Amino acid sequence: MRFAQIAVLSLAVLAVGSTVAQELSTIEVRAEESDRTLTMACVNPEKPSLKDVEQVLAIADPAQTPALRTKLMAAAAEACAQKQPKILVQRGANGALVWKPLS
């Protein structure tokens, strides 16, 4: 009986370890309009500075920066959930921000 408990516990630890190993810690974000990149954490991400967002997304109107930062963080969170280590983001005409995996 004791052996069965140890075996089950060992399998549980192994399963948790392999799940953690598969999660991304950071992703690299690049905008189509810029050659600059931004590295964002997947776990407890901090908001990137407004200046970094403006540079990466090549924002001409600083009034758009806070909303685009929120959209950029949402895109990064989606990419982390899909385990995409590098993404390319593109701004749409209506203010949308779309992303795709970057190979």
C-alpha atoms as a PDB file:
ATOM      1  CA  MET A   1       0.000   0.000   0.000  1.00  0.00           C
ATOM      2  CA  ARG A   2       2.796   2.401   0.866  1.00  0.00           C
ATOM      3  CA  PHE A   3       4.452   1.720  -2.517  1.00  0.00           C
ATOM      4  CA  ALA A   4       1.232   2.640  -4.373  1.00  0.00           C
ATOM      5  CA  GLN A   5       1.019   5.975  -2.531  1.00  0.00           C
ATOM      6  CA  ILE A   6       4.634   6.800  -3.363  1.00  0.00           C
ATOM      7  CA  ALA A   7       4.129   5.850  -7.004  1.00  0.00           C
ATOM      8  CA  VAL A   8       1.011   8.035  -7.320  1.00  0.00           C
ATOM      9  CA  LEU A   9       2.772  10.956  -5.627  1.00  0.00           C
ATOM     10  CA  SER A  10       5.780  10.581  -7.934  1.00  0.00           C
ATOM     11  CA  LEU A  11       3.548  10.610 -11.009  1.00  0.00           C
ATOM     12  CA  ALA A  12       1.731  13.705  -9.768  1.00  0.00           C
ATOM     13  CA  VAL A  13       5.012  15.571  -9.205  1.00  0.00           C
ATOM     14  CA  LEU A  14       6.245  14.529 -12.643  1.00  0.00           C
ATOM     15  CA  ALA A  15       3.017  15.730 -14.309  1.00  0.00           C
ATOM     16  CA  VAL A  16       3.160  19.109 -12.568  1.00  0.00           C
ATOM     17  CA  GLY A  17       6.830  19.497 -13.466  1.00  0.00           C
ATOM     18  CA  SER A  18       6.237  18.789 -17.130  1.00  0.00           C
ATOM     19  CA  THR A  19       3.303  21.240 -17.247  1.00  0.00           C
ATOM     20  CA  VAL A  20       5.412  24.006 -15.728  1.00  0.00           C
ATOM     21  CA  ALA A  21       8.252  23.280 -18.153  1.00  0.00           C
ATOM     22  CA  GLN A  22       5.905  23.738 -21.110  1.00  0.00           C
ATOM     23  CA  GLU A  23       4.756  27.226 -20.061  1.00  0.00           C
ATOM     24  CA  LEU A  24       6.511  30.206 -21.578  1.00  0.00           C
ATOM     25  CA  SER A  25       8.178  32.667 -19.253  1.00  0.00           C
ATOM     26  CA  THR A  26       8.419  35.495 -21.795  1.00  0.00           C
ATOM     27  CA  ILE A  27       7.435  36.334 -25.346  1.00  0.00           C
ATOM     28  CA  GLU A  28       8.979  38.643 -27.897  1.00  0.00           C
ATOM     29  CA  VAL A  29       6.651  41.155 -29.529  1.00  0.00           C
ATOM     30  CA  ARG A  30       7.488  42.937 -32.782  1.00  0.00           C
ATOM     31  CA  ALA A  31       5.271  45.313 -34.714  1.00  0.00           C
ATOM     32  CA  GLU A  32       4.947  45.183 -38.451  1.00  0.00           C
ATOM     33  CA  GLU A  33       5.636  48.927 -38.674  1.00  0.00           C
ATOM     34  CA  SER A  34       8.841  48.802 -36.615  1.00  0.00           C
ATOM     35  CA  ASP A  35      11.992  46.737 -36.289  1.00  0.00           C
ATOM     36  CA  ARG A  36      12.025  47.257 -32.514  1.00  0.00           C
ATOM     37  CA  THR A  37      10.968  44.450 -30.203  1.00  0.00           C
ATOM     38  CA  LEU A  38       9.558  44.249 -26.720  1.00  0.00           C
ATOM     39  CA  THR A  39       9.929  41.304 -24.352  1.00  0.00           C
ATOM     40  CA  MET A  40       6.941  40.687 -22.121  1.00  0.00           C
ATOM     41  CA  ALA A  41       6.526  38.264 -19.239  1.00  0.00           C
ATOM     42  CA  CYS A  42       3.820  35.620 -19.478  1.00  0.00           C
ATOM     43  CA  VAL A  43       3.437  35.232 -15.726  1.00  0.00           C
ATOM     44  CA  ASN A  44       2.515  38.389 -13.813  1.00  0.00           C
ATOM     45  CA  PRO A  45       3.401  40.720 -16.684  1.00  0.00           C
ATOM     46  CA  GLU A  46       4.207  44.316 -15.895  1.00  0.00           C
ATOM     47  CA  LYS A  47       2.783  47.008 -18.101  1.00  0.00           C
ATOM     48  CA  PRO A  48       5.368  48.143 -20.624  1.00  0.00           C
ATOM     49  CA  SER A  49       6.203  51.827 -20.444  1.00  0.00           C
ATOM     50  CA  LEU A  50       4.228  54.161 -22.674  1.00  0.00           C
ATOM     51  CA  LYS A  51       7.495  55.120 -24.368  1.00  0.00           C
ATOM     52  CA  ASP A  52       8.268  51.466 -25.199  1.00  0.00           C
ATOM     53  CA  VAL A  53       4.781  50.965 -26.613  1.00  0.00           C
ATOM     54  CA  GLU A  54       5.089  54.117 -28.731  1.00  0.00           C
ATOM     55  CA  GLN A  55       8.446  52.988 -30.110  1.00  0.00           C
ATOM     56  CA  VAL A  56       7.426  49.407 -30.878  1.00  0.00           C
ATOM     57  CA  LEU A  57       4.068  50.299 -32.421  1.00  0.00           C
ATOM     58  CA  ALA A  58       5.383  53.486 -34.094  1.00  0.00           C
ATOM     59  CA  ILE A  59       2.602  55.580 -32.590  1.00  0.00           C
ATOM     60  CA  ALA A  60       2.426  59.139 -33.910  1.00  0.00           C
ATOM     61  CA  ASP A  61      -0.408  60.312 -31.616  1.00  0.00           C
ATOM     62  CA  PRO A  62       0.535  59.784 -27.932  1.00  0.00           C
ATOM     63  CA  ALA A  63      -3.157  59.980 -26.966  1.00  0.00           C
ATOM     64  CA  GLN A  64      -3.579  56.505 -28.510  1.00  0.00           C
ATOM     65  CA  THR A  65      -0.784  54.950 -26.461  1.00  0.00           C
ATOM     66  CA  PRO A  66      -2.691  53.898 -23.283  1.00  0.00           C
ATOM     67  CA  ALA A  67      -5.419  52.087 -25.245  1.00  0.00           C
ATOM     68  CA  LEU A  68      -2.880  50.425 -27.542  1.00  0.00           C
ATOM     69  CA  ARG A  69      -0.812  49.351 -24.525  1.00  0.00           C
ATOM     70  CA  THR A  70      -3.886  47.570 -23.141  1.00  0.00           C
ATOM     71  CA  LYS A  71      -4.471  45.874 -26.502  1.00  0.00           C
ATOM     72  CA  LEU A  72      -0.790  44.944 -26.747  1.00  0.00           C
ATOM     73  CA  MET A  73      -0.921  43.304 -23.323  1.00  0.00           C
ATOM     74  CA  ALA A  74      -4.064  41.386 -24.323  1.00  0.00           C
ATOM     75  CA  ALA A  75      -2.349  40.157 -27.495  1.00  0.00           C
ATOM     76  CA  ALA A  76       0.680  39.082 -25.470  1.00  0.00           C
ATOM     77  CA  ALA A  77      -1.535  37.210 -23.004  1.00  0.00           C
ATOM     78  CA  GLU A  78      -3.261  35.374 -25.868  1.00  0.00           C
ATOM     79  CA  ALA A  79       0.114  34.466 -27.375  1.00  0.00           C
ATOM     80  CA  CYS A  80       1.348  33.181 -24.013  1.00  0.00           C
ATOM     81  CA  ALA A  81      -1.779  31.052 -23.646  1.00  0.00           C
ATOM     82  CA  GLN A  82      -1.125  29.605 -27.101  1.00  0.00           C
ATOM     83  CA  LYS A  83       2.578  29.096 -26.287  1.00  0.00           C
ATOM     84  CA  GLN A  84       3.826  31.346 -29.107  1.00  0.00           C
ATOM     85  CA  PRO A  85       7.315  32.622 -28.151  1.00  0.00           C
ATOM     86  CA  LYS A  86       7.424  35.372 -30.821  1.00  0.00           C
ATOM     87  CA  ILE A  87       4.567  37.377 -32.286  1.00  0.00           C
ATOM     88  CA  LEU A  88       4.101  40.070 -34.911  1.00  0.00           C
ATOM     89  CA  VAL A  89       1.445  42.681 -34.118  1.00  0.00           C
ATOM     90  CA  GLN A  90      -0.298  44.912 -36.618  1.00  0.00           C
ATOM     91  CA  ARG A  91      -2.521  47.919 -36.031  1.00  0.00           C
ATOM     92  CA  GLY A  92      -5.798  47.967 -37.903  1.00  0.00           C
ATOM     93  CA  ALA A  93      -7.522  51.000 -39.375  1.00  0.00           C
ATOM     94  CA  ASN A  94     -10.232  50.955 -36.686  1.00  0.00           C
ATOM     95  CA  GLY A  95      -7.770  50.927 -33.768  1.00  0.00           C
ATOM     96  CA  ALA A  96      -7.701  47.158 -33.447  1.00  0.00           C
ATOM     97  CA  LEU A  97      -4.488  45.312 -32.768  1.00  0.00           C
ATOM     98  CA  VAL A  98      -4.094  41.854 -34.298  1.00  0.00           C
ATOM     99  CA  TRP A  99      -1.228  39.427 -33.909  1.00  0.00           C
ATOM    100  CA  LYS A 100       0.165  36.366 -35.583  1.00  0.00           C
ATOM    101  CA  PRO A 101       2.981  33.985 -34.727  1.00  0.00           C
ATOM    102  CA  LEU A 102       6.394  35.117 -35.909  1.00  0.00           C
ATOM    103  CA  SER A 103       8.648  32.410 -37.266  1.00  0.00           C
END
